[in-house]
Amino acid sequence: DDRLIEARADMSERVELHTHIDDGDGVMKMRHVPDGFAIPAGQSH
């Protein structure tokens, strides 16, 4: 298993890993994911 933990790009002041989450009100909101994204062995994300 591996994990995407960060990203960098020189054309922006900041780069973050984000996701969309339903906070329970039916509206999707973008959120920073500080722990990154799991990339399981033999799979894709």
PDB file of all heavy atoms in Angstrom:
ATOM      1  N   ASP A   1       0.845  -1.192   0.000  1.00  0.00           N
ATOM      2  CA  ASP A   1       0.000   0.000   0.000  1.00  0.00           C
ATOM      3  C   ASP A   1       0.882   1.243   0.000  1.00  0.00           C
ATOM      4  O   ASP A   1       1.999   1.228   0.504  1.00  0.00           O
ATOM      5  CB  ASP A   1      -0.891   0.044   1.247  1.00  0.00           C
ATOM      6  CG  ASP A   1      -1.932  -1.072   1.282  1.00  0.00           C
ATOM      7  OD1 ASP A   1      -2.120  -1.749   0.252  1.00  0.00           O
ATOM      8  OD2 ASP A   1      -2.537  -1.254   2.345  1.00  0.00           O
ATOM      9  N   ASP A   2       0.376   2.321  -0.576  1.00  0.00           N
ATOM     10  CA  ASP A   2       1.072   3.605  -0.557  1.00  0.00           C
ATOM     11  C   ASP A   2       0.039   4.682  -0.275  1.00  0.00           C
ATOM     12  O   ASP A   2      -1.157   4.387  -0.140  1.00  0.00           O
ATOM     13  CB  ASP A   2       1.804   3.858  -1.880  1.00  0.00           C
ATOM     14  CG  ASP A   2       3.040   4.746  -1.719  1.00  0.00           C
ATOM     15  OD1 ASP A   2       3.121   5.514  -0.732  1.00  0.00           O
ATOM     16  OD2 ASP A   2       3.920   4.684  -2.589  1.00  0.00           O
ATOM     17  N   ARG A   3       0.482   5.911  -0.160  1.00  0.00           N
ATOM     18  CA  ARG A   3      -0.428   7.016   0.145  1.00  0.00           C
ATOM     19  C   ARG A   3       0.106   8.279  -0.521  1.00  0.00           C
ATOM     20  O   ARG A   3       1.287   8.600  -0.387  1.00  0.00           O
ATOM     21  CB  ARG A   3      -0.514   7.215   1.657  1.00  0.00           C
ATOM     22  CG  ARG A   3      -1.384   8.386   2.097  1.00  0.00           C
ATOM     23  CD  ARG A   3      -1.544   8.435   3.604  1.00  0.00           C
ATOM     24  NE  ARG A   3      -2.333   7.319   4.091  1.00  0.00           N
ATOM     25  CZ  ARG A   3      -3.669   7.298   4.123  1.00  0.00           C
ATOM     26  NH1 ARG A   3      -4.356   8.338   3.714  1.00  0.00           N
ATOM     27  NH2 ARG A   3      -4.315   6.250   4.584  1.00  0.00           N
ATOM     28  N   LEU A   4      -0.777   8.970  -1.250  1.00  0.00           N
ATOM     29  CA  LEU A   4      -0.456  10.300  -1.771  1.00  0.00           C
ATOM     30  C   LEU A   4      -0.597  11.262  -0.601  1.00  0.00           C
ATOM     31  O   LEU A   4      -1.683  11.396  -0.029  1.00  0.00           O
ATOM     32  CB  LEU A   4      -1.405  10.686  -2.909  1.00  0.00           C
ATOM     33  CG  LEU A   4      -1.242  12.099  -3.468  1.00  0.00           C
ATOM     34  CD1 LEU A   4       0.137  12.289  -4.091  1.00  0.00           C
ATOM     35  CD2 LEU A   4      -2.340  12.374  -4.492  1.00  0.00           C
ATOM     36  N   ILE A   5       0.508  11.904  -0.189  1.00  0.00           N
ATOM     37  CA  ILE A   5       0.475  12.728   1.018  1.00  0.00           C
ATOM     38  C   ILE A   5       0.614  14.221   0.745  1.00  0.00           C
ATOM     39  O   ILE A   5       0.320  15.038   1.623  1.00  0.00           O
ATOM     40  CB  ILE A   5       1.550  12.288   2.028  1.00  0.00           C
ATOM     41  CG1 ILE A   5       2.940  12.303   1.391  1.00  0.00           C
ATOM     42  CG2 ILE A   5       1.215  10.935   2.613  1.00  0.00           C
ATOM     43  CD1 ILE A   5       4.086  12.072   2.375  1.00  0.00           C
ATOM     44  N   GLU A   6       1.036  14.589  -0.451  1.00  0.00           N
ATOM     45  CA  GLU A   6       1.251  16.010  -0.741  1.00  0.00           C
ATOM     46  C   GLU A   6       1.377  16.193  -2.244  1.00  0.00           C
ATOM     47  O   GLU A   6       1.660  15.254  -2.978  1.00  0.00           O
ATOM     48  CB  GLU A   6       2.544  16.469  -0.050  1.00  0.00           C
ATOM     49  CG  GLU A   6       2.808  17.936  -0.106  1.00  0.00           C
ATOM     50  CD  GLU A   6       4.131  18.313   0.582  1.00  0.00           C
ATOM     51  OE1 GLU A   6       4.681  17.486   1.339  1.00  0.00           O
ATOM     52  OE2 GLU A   6       4.602  19.434   0.347  1.00  0.00           O
ATOM     53  N   ALA A   7       1.194  17.441  -2.691  1.00  0.00           N
ATOM     54  CA  ALA A   7       1.426  17.795  -4.081  1.00  0.00           C
ATOM     55  C   ALA A   7       2.021  19.199  -4.111  1.00  0.00           C
ATOM     56  O   ALA A   7       1.767  20.012  -3.221  1.00  0.00           O
ATOM     57  CB  ALA A   7       0.127  17.737  -4.884  1.00  0.00           C
ATOM     58  N   ARG A   8       2.806  19.472  -5.155  1.00  0.00           N
ATOM     59  CA  ARG A   8       3.418  20.788  -5.336  1.00  0.00           C
ATOM     60  C   ARG A   8       3.306  21.209  -6.788  1.00  0.00           C
ATOM     61  O   ARG A   8       3.372  20.366  -7.681  1.00  0.00           O
ATOM     62  CB  ARG A   8       4.897  20.754  -4.955  1.00  0.00           C
ATOM     63  CG  ARG A   8       5.132  20.751  -3.478  1.00  0.00           C
ATOM     64  CD  ARG A   8       6.607  20.816  -3.179  1.00  0.00           C
ATOM     65  NE  ARG A   8       6.862  19.558  -2.500  1.00  0.00           N
ATOM     66  CZ  ARG A   8       7.971  18.866  -2.504  1.00  0.00           C
ATOM     67  NH1 ARG A   8       8.993  19.279  -3.137  1.00  0.00           N
ATOM     68  NH2 ARG A   8       8.084  17.744  -1.860  1.00  0.00           N
ATOM     69  N   ALA A   9       3.166  22.512  -6.988  1.00  0.00           N
ATOM     70  CA  ALA A   9       3.157  23.080  -8.338  1.00  0.00           C
ATOM     71  C   ALA A   9       3.593  24.528  -8.225  1.00  0.00           C
ATOM     72  O   ALA A   9       3.162  25.234  -7.309  1.00  0.00           O
ATOM     73  CB  ALA A   9       1.764  22.978  -8.956  1.00  0.00           C
ATOM     74  N   ASP A  10       4.427  24.978  -9.152  1.00  0.00           N
ATOM     75  CA  ASP A  10       4.973  26.325  -9.029  1.00  0.00           C
ATOM     76  C   ASP A  10       4.044  27.421  -9.549  1.00  0.00           C
ATOM     77  O   ASP A  10       4.360  28.593  -9.413  1.00  0.00           O
ATOM     78  CB  ASP A  10       6.338  26.422  -9.704  1.00  0.00           C
ATOM     79  CG  ASP A  10       6.280  26.202 -11.204  1.00  0.00           C
ATOM     80  OD1 ASP A  10       5.184  26.014 -11.767  1.00  0.00           O
ATOM     81  OD2 ASP A  10       7.355  26.210 -11.837  1.00  0.00           O
ATOM     82  N   MET A  11       2.894  27.069 -10.095  1.00  0.00           N
ATOM     83  CA  MET A  11       1.993  28.086 -10.634  1.00  0.00           C
ATOM     84  C   MET A  11       0.898  28.483  -9.648  1.00  0.00           C
ATOM     85  O   MET A  11      -0.041  29.181 -10.002  1.00  0.00           O
ATOM     86  CB  MET A  11       1.414  27.654 -11.984  1.00  0.00           C
ATOM     87  CG  MET A  11       0.213  26.755 -11.941  1.00  0.00           C
ATOM     88  SD  MET A  11       0.582  25.198 -11.176  1.00  0.00           S
ATOM     89  CE  MET A  11      -0.851  24.305 -11.599  1.00  0.00           C
ATOM     90  N   SER A  12       1.035  28.052  -8.380  1.00  0.00           N
ATOM     91  CA  SER A  12       0.073  28.462  -7.366  1.00  0.00           C
ATOM     92  C   SER A  12       0.784  28.673  -6.032  1.00  0.00           C
ATOM     93  O   SER A  12       1.829  28.079  -5.773  1.00  0.00           O
ATOM     94  CB  SER A  12      -1.064  27.441  -7.214  1.00  0.00           C
ATOM     95  OG  SER A  12      -0.587  26.227  -6.708  1.00  0.00           O
ATOM     96  N   GLU A  13       0.182  29.525  -5.217  1.00  0.00           N
ATOM     97  CA  GLU A  13       0.774  29.830  -3.918  1.00  0.00           C
ATOM     98  C   GLU A  13       0.737  28.619  -2.991  1.00  0.00           C
ATOM     99  O   GLU A  13       1.653  28.417  -2.205  1.00  0.00           O
ATOM    100  CB  GLU A  13       0.050  31.014  -3.280  1.00  0.00           C
ATOM    101  CG  GLU A  13       0.247  32.306  -4.044  1.00  0.00           C
ATOM    102  CD  GLU A  13      -0.652  33.434  -3.575  1.00  0.00           C
ATOM    103  OE1 GLU A  13      -1.380  33.269  -2.570  1.00  0.00           O
ATOM    104  OE2 GLU A  13      -0.618  34.498  -4.213  1.00  0.00           O
ATOM    105  N   ARG A  14      -0.324  27.838  -3.093  1.00  0.00           N
ATOM    106  CA  ARG A  14      -0.502  26.656  -2.251  1.00  0.00           C
ATOM    107  C   ARG A  14      -1.119  25.532  -3.068  1.00  0.00           C
ATOM    108  O   ARG A  14      -1.914  25.780  -3.969  1.00  0.00           O
ATOM    109  CB  ARG A  14      -1.470  26.995  -1.102  1.00  0.00           C
ATOM    110  CG  ARG A  14      -0.855  26.990   0.237  1.00  0.00           C
ATOM    111  CD  ARG A  14      -1.763  27.389   1.401  1.00  0.00           C
ATOM    112  NE  ARG A  14      -3.148  27.021   1.367  1.00  0.00           N
ATOM    113  CZ  ARG A  14      -4.154  27.898   1.350  1.00  0.00           C
ATOM    114  NH1 ARG A  14      -3.942  29.181   1.345  1.00  0.00           N
ATOM    115  NH2 ARG A  14      -5.391  27.468   1.354  1.00  0.00           N
ATOM    116  N   VAL A  15      -0.778  24.311  -2.718  1.00  0.00           N
ATOM    117  CA  VAL A  15      -1.388  23.136  -3.339  1.00  0.00           C
ATOM    118  C   VAL A  15      -1.833  22.224  -2.200  1.00  0.00           C
ATOM    119  O   VAL A  15      -1.071  21.955  -1.282  1.00  0.00           O
ATOM    120  CB  VAL A  15      -0.399  22.395  -4.263  1.00  0.00           C
ATOM    121  CG1 VAL A  15      -1.071  21.185  -4.901  1.00  0.00           C
ATOM    122  CG2 VAL A  15       0.160  23.326  -5.327  1.00  0.00           C
ATOM    123  N   GLU A  16      -3.087  21.782  -2.254  1.00  0.00           N
ATOM    124  CA  GLU A  16      -3.633  20.911  -1.216  1.00  0.00           C
ATOM    125  C   GLU A  16      -4.340  19.729  -1.859  1.00  0.00           C
ATOM    126  O   GLU A  16      -4.803  19.808  -2.996  1.00  0.00           O
ATOM    127  CB  GLU A  16      -4.637  21.666  -0.336  1.00  0.00           C
ATOM    128  CG  GLU A  16      -4.038  22.793   0.469  1.00  0.00           C
ATOM    129  CD  GLU A  16      -5.050  23.521   1.337  1.00  0.00           C
ATOM    130  OE1 GLU A  16      -6.271  23.256   1.218  1.00  0.00           O
ATOM    131  OE2 GLU A  16      -4.619  24.366   2.140  1.00  0.00           O
ATOM    132  N   LEU A  17      -4.441  18.658  -1.095  1.00  0.00           N
ATOM    133  CA  LEU A  17      -5.257  17.511  -1.497  1.00  0.00           C
ATOM    134  C   LEU A  17      -6.644  17.747  -0.923  1.00  0.00           C
ATOM    135  O   LEU A  17      -6.784  18.006   0.272  1.00  0.00           O
ATOM    136  CB  LEU A  17      -4.643  16.220  -0.972  1.00  0.00           C
ATOM    137  CG  LEU A  17      -3.208  15.959  -1.430  1.00  0.00           C
ATOM    138  CD1 LEU A  17      -2.663  14.695  -0.783  1.00  0.00           C
ATOM    139  CD2 LEU A  17      -3.112  15.884  -2.941  1.00  0.00           C
ATOM    140  N   HIS A  18      -7.666  17.690  -1.776  1.00  0.00           N
ATOM    141  CA  HIS A  18      -9.039  18.002  -1.374  1.00  0.00           C
ATOM    142  C   HIS A  18      -9.987  16.866  -1.707  1.00  0.00           C
ATOM    143  O   HIS A  18      -9.725  16.051  -2.577  1.00  0.00           O
ATOM    144  CB  HIS A  18      -9.531  19.252  -2.114  1.00  0.00           C
ATOM    145  CG  HIS A  18      -9.122  20.534  -1.486  1.00  0.00           C
ATOM    146  ND1 HIS A  18      -9.796  21.711  -1.686  1.00  0.00           N
ATOM    147  CD2 HIS A  18      -8.107  20.852  -0.653  1.00  0.00           C
ATOM    148  CE1 HIS A  18      -9.215  22.684  -1.011  1.00  0.00           C
ATOM    149  NE2 HIS A  18      -8.181  22.187  -0.380  1.00  0.00           N
ATOM    150  N   THR A  19     -11.123  16.881  -1.031  1.00  0.00           N
ATOM    151  CA  THR A  19     -12.234  15.989  -1.343  1.00  0.00           C
ATOM    152  C   THR A  19     -13.530  16.763  -1.161  1.00  0.00           C
ATOM    153  O   THR A  19     -13.529  17.888  -0.660  1.00  0.00           O
ATOM    154  CB  THR A  19     -12.220  14.723  -0.464  1.00  0.00           C
ATOM    155  OG1 THR A  19     -13.105  13.754  -1.037  1.00  0.00           O
ATOM    156  CG2 THR A  19     -12.619  15.016   0.974  1.00  0.00           C
ATOM    157  N   HIS A  20     -14.633  16.175  -1.564  1.00  0.00           N
ATOM    158  CA  HIS A  20     -15.962  16.737  -1.336  1.00  0.00           C
ATOM    159  C   HIS A  20     -16.663  15.878  -0.284  1.00  0.00           C
ATOM    160  O   HIS A  20     -16.638  14.651  -0.379  1.00  0.00           O
ATOM    161  CB  HIS A  20     -16.787  16.742  -2.626  1.00  0.00           C
ATOM    162  CG  HIS A  20     -16.370  17.816  -3.573  1.00  0.00           C
ATOM    163  ND1 HIS A  20     -15.328  17.658  -4.442  1.00  0.00           N
ATOM    164  CD2 HIS A  20     -16.841  19.067  -3.775  1.00  0.00           C
ATOM    165  CE1 HIS A  20     -15.183  18.768  -5.155  1.00  0.00           C
ATOM    166  NE2 HIS A  20     -16.081  19.629  -4.766  1.00  0.00           N
ATOM    167  N   ILE A  21     -17.267  16.540   0.695  1.00  0.00           N
ATOM    168  CA  ILE A  21     -17.946  15.844   1.796  1.00  0.00           C
ATOM    169  C   ILE A  21     -19.336  16.420   1.974  1.00  0.00           C
ATOM    170  O   ILE A  21     -19.517  17.639   1.920  1.00  0.00           O
ATOM    171  CB  ILE A  21     -17.151  16.004   3.111  1.00  0.00           C
ATOM    172  CG1 ILE A  21     -15.783  15.330   2.979  1.00  0.00           C
ATOM    173  CG2 ILE A  21     -17.912  15.449   4.297  1.00  0.00           C
ATOM    174  CD1 ILE A  21     -14.851  15.579   4.144  1.00  0.00           C
ATOM    175  N   ASP A  22     -20.309  15.550   2.204  1.00  0.00           N
ATOM    176  CA  ASP A  22     -21.664  15.985   2.544  1.00  0.00           C
ATOM    177  C   ASP A  22     -21.708  16.175   4.051  1.00  0.00           C
ATOM    178  O   ASP A  22     -21.586  15.228   4.819  1.00  0.00           O
ATOM    179  CB  ASP A  22     -22.688  14.930   2.098  1.00  0.00           C
ATOM    180  CG  ASP A  22     -24.126  15.353   2.343  1.00  0.00           C
ATOM    181  OD1 ASP A  22     -24.367  16.306   3.120  1.00  0.00           O
ATOM    182  OD2 ASP A  22     -25.016  14.711   1.762  1.00  0.00           O
ATOM    183  N   ASP A  23     -21.859  17.417   4.482  1.00  0.00           N
ATOM    184  CA  ASP A  23     -21.891  17.726   5.916  1.00  0.00           C
ATOM    185  C   ASP A  23     -23.229  17.396   6.560  1.00  0.00           C
ATOM    186  O   ASP A  23     -23.487  17.784   7.693  1.00  0.00           O
ATOM    187  CB  ASP A  23     -21.570  19.206   6.151  1.00  0.00           C
ATOM    188  CG  ASP A  23     -20.078  19.483   6.061  1.00  0.00           C
ATOM    189  OD1 ASP A  23     -19.285  18.532   6.180  1.00  0.00           O
ATOM    190  OD2 ASP A  23     -19.706  20.658   5.880  1.00  0.00           O
ATOM    191  N   GLY A  24     -24.094  16.691   5.850  1.00  0.00           N
ATOM    192  CA  GLY A  24     -25.377  16.282   6.408  1.00  0.00           C
ATOM    193  C   GLY A  24     -26.535  17.152   5.964  1.00  0.00           C
ATOM    194  O   GLY A  24     -27.685  16.827   6.201  1.00  0.00           O
ATOM    195  N   ASP A  25     -26.224  18.266   5.300  1.00  0.00           N
ATOM    196  CA  ASP A  25     -27.288  19.155   4.840  1.00  0.00           C
ATOM    197  C   ASP A  25     -27.602  18.955   3.357  1.00  0.00           C
ATOM    198  O   ASP A  25     -28.346  19.714   2.765  1.00  0.00           O
ATOM    199  CB  ASP A  25     -26.932  20.614   5.123  1.00  0.00           C
ATOM    200  CG  ASP A  25     -25.617  21.044   4.489  1.00  0.00           C
ATOM    201  OD1 ASP A  25     -25.033  20.243   3.730  1.00  0.00           O
ATOM    202  OD2 ASP A  25     -25.174  22.178   4.750  1.00  0.00           O
ATOM    203  N   GLY A  26     -27.005  17.912   2.770  1.00  0.00           N
ATOM    204  CA  GLY A  26     -27.262  17.615   1.364  1.00  0.00           C
ATOM    205  C   GLY A  26     -26.413  18.429   0.401  1.00  0.00           C
ATOM    206  O   GLY A  26     -26.503  18.250  -0.800  1.00  0.00           O
ATOM    207  N   VAL A  27     -25.574  19.320   0.913  1.00  0.00           N
ATOM    208  CA  VAL A  27     -24.716  20.151   0.077  1.00  0.00           C
ATOM    209  C   VAL A  27     -23.285  19.643   0.193  1.00  0.00           C
ATOM    210  O   VAL A  27     -22.762  19.490   1.295  1.00  0.00           O
ATOM    211  CB  VAL A  27     -24.796  21.637   0.503  1.00  0.00           C
ATOM    212  CG1 VAL A  27     -23.855  22.483  -0.335  1.00  0.00           C
ATOM    213  CG2 VAL A  27     -26.228  22.152   0.391  1.00  0.00           C
ATOM    214  N   MET A  28     -22.672  19.373  -0.942  1.00  0.00           N
ATOM    215  CA  MET A  28     -21.284  18.904  -0.946  1.00  0.00           C
ATOM    216  C   MET A  28     -20.357  20.093  -0.726  1.00  0.00           C
ATOM    217  O   MET A  28     -20.503  21.133  -1.368  1.00  0.00           O
ATOM    218  CB  MET A  28     -20.960  18.223  -2.271  1.00  0.00           C
ATOM    219  CG  MET A  28     -21.803  16.985  -2.543  1.00  0.00           C
ATOM    220  SD  MET A  28     -21.629  15.697  -1.309  1.00  0.00           S
ATOM    221  CE  MET A  28     -20.063  15.022  -1.769  1.00  0.00           C
ATOM    222  N   LYS A  29     -19.401  19.922   0.187  1.00  0.00           N
ATOM    223  CA  LYS A  29     -18.441  20.977   0.498  1.00  0.00           C
ATOM    224  C   LYS A  29     -17.038  20.425   0.323  1.00  0.00           C
ATOM    225  O   LYS A  29     -16.756  19.289   0.681  1.00  0.00           O
ATOM    226  CB  LYS A  29     -18.647  21.473   1.924  1.00  0.00           C
ATOM    227  CG  LYS A  29     -19.996  22.125   2.088  1.00  0.00           C
ATOM    228  CD  LYS A  29     -20.208  22.634   3.488  1.00  0.00           C
ATOM    229  CE  LYS A  29     -21.584  23.288   3.516  1.00  0.00           C
ATOM    230  NZ  LYS A  29     -22.288  23.089   4.720  1.00  0.00           N
ATOM    231  N   MET A  30     -16.166  21.283  -0.220  1.00  0.00           N
ATOM    232  CA  MET A  30     -14.796  20.889  -0.421  1.00  0.00           C
ATOM    233  C   MET A  30     -14.027  20.980   0.899  1.00  0.00           C
ATOM    234  O   MET A  30     -14.200  21.923   1.657  1.00  0.00           O
ATOM    235  CB  MET A  30     -14.136  21.798  -1.454  1.00  0.00           C
ATOM    236  CG  MET A  30     -13.189  21.090  -2.328  1.00  0.00           C
ATOM    237  SD  MET A  30     -12.462  22.078  -3.643  1.00  0.00           S
ATOM    238  CE  MET A  30     -13.516  23.455  -3.879  1.00  0.00           C
ATOM    239  N   ARG A  31     -13.179  19.978   1.151  1.00  0.00           N
ATOM    240  CA  ARG A  31     -12.386  19.940   2.378  1.00  0.00           C
ATOM    241  C   ARG A  31     -10.956  19.500   2.076  1.00  0.00           C
ATOM    242  O   ARG A  31     -10.739  18.603   1.252  1.00  0.00           O
ATOM    243  CB  ARG A  31     -12.977  18.933   3.380  1.00  0.00           C
ATOM    244  CG  ARG A  31     -14.326  19.298   3.904  1.00  0.00           C
ATOM    245  CD  ARG A  31     -14.204  20.400   4.958  1.00  0.00           C
ATOM    246  NE  ARG A  31     -15.485  20.637   5.597  1.00  0.00           N
ATOM    247  CZ  ARG A  31     -16.242  21.681   5.347  1.00  0.00           C
ATOM    248  NH1 ARG A  31     -15.873  22.579   4.476  1.00  0.00           N
ATOM    249  NH2 ARG A  31     -17.397  21.845   5.975  1.00  0.00           N
ATOM    250  N   HIS A  32     -10.014  20.116   2.774  1.00  0.00           N
ATOM    251  CA  HIS A  32      -8.611  19.704   2.714  1.00  0.00           C
ATOM    252  C   HIS A  32      -8.474  18.343   3.405  1.00  0.00           C
ATOM    253  O   HIS A  32      -9.103  18.099   4.436  1.00  0.00           O
ATOM    254  CB  HIS A  32      -7.758  20.759   3.423  1.00  0.00           C
ATOM    255  CG  HIS A  32      -6.325  20.388   3.576  1.00  0.00           C
ATOM    256  ND1 HIS A  32      -5.502  20.109   2.516  1.00  0.00           N
ATOM    257  CD2 HIS A  32      -5.564  20.238   4.685  1.00  0.00           C
ATOM    258  CE1 HIS A  32      -4.294  19.819   2.959  1.00  0.00           C
ATOM    259  NE2 HIS A  32      -4.300  19.881   4.285  1.00  0.00           N
ATOM    260  N   VAL A  33      -7.676  17.453   2.832  1.00  0.00           N
ATOM    261  CA  VAL A  33      -7.446  16.120   3.397  1.00  0.00           C
ATOM    262  C   VAL A  33      -5.965  16.044   3.793  1.00  0.00           C
ATOM    263  O   VAL A  33      -5.117  15.654   2.986  1.00  0.00           O
ATOM    264  CB  VAL A  33      -7.801  15.007   2.383  1.00  0.00           C
ATOM    265  CG1 VAL A  33      -7.613  13.631   3.004  1.00  0.00           C
ATOM    266  CG2 VAL A  33      -9.216  15.172   1.863  1.00  0.00           C
ATOM    267  N   PRO A  34      -5.644  16.451   5.024  1.00  0.00           N
ATOM    268  CA  PRO A  34      -4.233  16.505   5.428  1.00  0.00           C
ATOM    269  C   PRO A  34      -3.526  15.152   5.439  1.00  0.00           C
ATOM    270  O   PRO A  34      -2.307  15.089   5.275  1.00  0.00           O
ATOM    271  CB  PRO A  34      -4.270  17.118   6.829  1.00  0.00           C
ATOM    272  CG  PRO A  34      -5.677  17.023   7.287  1.00  0.00           C
ATOM    273  CD  PRO A  34      -6.549  16.890   6.081  1.00  0.00           C
ATOM    274  N   ASP A  35      -4.266  14.061   5.613  1.00  0.00           N
ATOM    275  CA  ASP A  35      -3.653  12.723   5.623  1.00  0.00           C
ATOM    276  C   ASP A  35      -3.473  12.147   4.223  1.00  0.00           C
ATOM    277  O   ASP A  35      -2.884  11.080   4.067  1.00  0.00           O
ATOM    278  CB  ASP A  35      -4.495  11.757   6.457  1.00  0.00           C
ATOM    279  CG  ASP A  35      -4.490  12.120   7.929  1.00  0.00           C
ATOM    280  OD1 ASP A  35      -3.529  12.777   8.377  1.00  0.00           O
ATOM    281  OD2 ASP A  35      -5.449  11.756   8.624  1.00  0.00           O
ATOM    282  N   GLY A  36      -3.992  12.828   3.214  1.00  0.00           N
ATOM    283  CA  GLY A  36      -3.841  12.372   1.842  1.00  0.00           C
ATOM    284  C   GLY A  36      -4.776  11.233   1.485  1.00  0.00           C
ATOM    285  O   GLY A  36      -5.763  10.974   2.170  1.00  0.00           O
ATOM    286  N   PHE A  37      -4.436  10.534   0.396  1.00  0.00           N
ATOM    287  CA  PHE A  37      -5.289   9.490  -0.157  1.00  0.00           C
ATOM    288  C   PHE A  37      -4.548   8.157  -0.198  1.00  0.00           C
ATOM    289  O   PHE A  37      -3.450   8.068  -0.746  1.00  0.00           O
ATOM    290  CB  PHE A  37      -5.741   9.849  -1.574  1.00  0.00           C
ATOM    291  CG  PHE A  37      -6.363  11.209  -1.689  1.00  0.00           C
ATOM    292  CD1 PHE A  37      -5.853  12.146  -2.579  1.00  0.00           C
ATOM    293  CD2 PHE A  37      -7.449  11.572  -0.910  1.00  0.00           C
ATOM    294  CE1 PHE A  37      -6.424  13.399  -2.695  1.00  0.00           C
ATOM    295  CE2 PHE A  37      -8.030  12.821  -1.013  1.00  0.00           C
ATOM    296  CZ  PHE A  37      -7.505  13.746  -1.909  1.00  0.00           C
ATOM    297  N   ALA A  38      -5.173   7.137   0.349  1.00  0.00           N
ATOM    298  CA  ALA A  38      -4.600   5.791   0.318  1.00  0.00           C
ATOM    299  C   ALA A  38      -4.664   5.257  -1.108  1.00  0.00           C
ATOM    300  O   ALA A  38      -5.673   5.423  -1.808  1.00  0.00           O
ATOM    301  CB  ALA A  38      -5.364   4.868   1.257  1.00  0.00           C
ATOM    302  N   ILE A  39      -3.567   4.621  -1.529  1.00  0.00           N
ATOM    303  CA  ILE A  39      -3.503   3.951  -2.827  1.00  0.00           C
ATOM    304  C   ILE A  39      -3.150   2.491  -2.523  1.00  0.00           C
ATOM    305  O   ILE A  39      -1.983   2.127  -2.416  1.00  0.00           O
ATOM    306  CB  ILE A  39      -2.438   4.579  -3.761  1.00  0.00           C
ATOM    307  CG1 ILE A  39      -2.443   6.110  -3.719  1.00  0.00           C
ATOM    308  CG2 ILE A  39      -2.594   4.032  -5.177  1.00  0.00           C
ATOM    309  CD1 ILE A  39      -3.685   6.769  -4.264  1.00  0.00           C
ATOM    310  N   PRO A  40      -4.175   1.640  -2.336  1.00  0.00           N
ATOM    311  CA  PRO A  40      -3.927   0.246  -1.946  1.00  0.00           C
ATOM    312  C   PRO A  40      -3.125  -0.521  -3.004  1.00  0.00           C
ATOM    313  O   PRO A  40      -3.229  -0.247  -4.207  1.00  0.00           O
ATOM    314  CB  PRO A  40      -5.333  -0.345  -1.809  1.00  0.00           C
ATOM    315  CG  PRO A  40      -6.241   0.829  -1.659  1.00  0.00           C
ATOM    316  CD  PRO A  40      -5.601   1.942  -2.432  1.00  0.00           C
ATOM    317  N   ALA A  41      -2.350  -1.474  -2.555  1.00  0.00           N
ATOM    318  CA  ALA A  41      -1.569  -2.324  -3.454  1.00  0.00           C
ATOM    319  C   ALA A  41      -2.488  -3.002  -4.463  1.00  0.00           C
ATOM    320  O   ALA A  41      -3.559  -3.491  -4.109  1.00  0.00           O
ATOM    321  CB  ALA A  41      -0.819  -3.378  -2.639  1.00  0.00           C
ATOM    322  N   GLY A  42      -2.066  -2.976  -5.725  1.00  0.00           N
ATOM    323  CA  GLY A  42      -2.828  -3.643  -6.770  1.00  0.00           C
ATOM    324  C   GLY A  42      -4.125  -2.952  -7.146  1.00  0.00           C
ATOM    325  O   GLY A  42      -4.936  -3.512  -7.878  1.00  0.00           O
ATOM    326  N   GLN A  43      -4.342  -1.722  -6.678  1.00  0.00           N
ATOM    327  CA  GLN A  43      -5.576  -1.002  -6.977  1.00  0.00           C
ATOM    328  C   GLN A  43      -5.269   0.396  -7.487  1.00  0.00           C
ATOM    329  O   GLN A  43      -4.121   0.799  -7.595  1.00  0.00           O
ATOM    330  CB  GLN A  43      -6.451  -0.934  -5.728  1.00  0.00           C
ATOM    331  CG  GLN A  43      -6.926  -2.287  -5.250  1.00  0.00           C
ATOM    332  CD  GLN A  43      -7.838  -2.185  -4.049  1.00  0.00           C
ATOM    333  OE1 GLN A  43      -8.622  -1.249  -3.927  1.00  0.00           O
ATOM    334  NE2 GLN A  43      -7.722  -3.138  -3.140  1.00  0.00           N
ATOM    335  N   SER A  44      -6.328   1.135  -7.791  1.00  0.00           N
ATOM    336  CA  SER A  44      -6.159   2.511  -8.263  1.00  0.00           C
ATOM    337  C   SER A  44      -7.087   3.432  -7.483  1.00  0.00           C
ATOM    338  O   SER A  44      -8.019   2.980  -6.819  1.00  0.00           O
ATOM    339  CB  SER A  44      -6.442   2.601  -9.765  1.00  0.00           C
ATOM    340  OG  SER A  44      -7.767   2.220 -10.042  1.00  0.00           O
ATOM    341  N   HIS A  45      -6.792   4.699  -7.571  1.00  0.00           N
ATOM    342  CA  HIS A  45      -7.597   5.726  -6.902  1.00  0.00           C
ATOM    343  C   HIS A  45      -7.812   6.859  -7.896  1.00  0.00           C
ATOM    344  O   HIS A  45      -6.851   7.361  -8.476  1.00  0.00           O
ATOM    345  CB  HIS A  45      -6.859   6.229  -5.665  1.00  0.00           C
ATOM    346  CG  HIS A  45      -7.674   7.175  -4.834  1.00  0.00           C
ATOM    347  ND1 HIS A  45      -8.602   6.738  -3.912  1.00  0.00           N
ATOM    348  CD2 HIS A  45      -7.716   8.530  -4.805  1.00  0.00           C
ATOM    349  CE1 HIS A  45      -9.164   7.787  -3.341  1.00  0.00           C
ATOM    350  NE2 HIS A  45      -8.651   8.878  -3.868  1.00  0.00           N
TER     351      HIS A  45
END
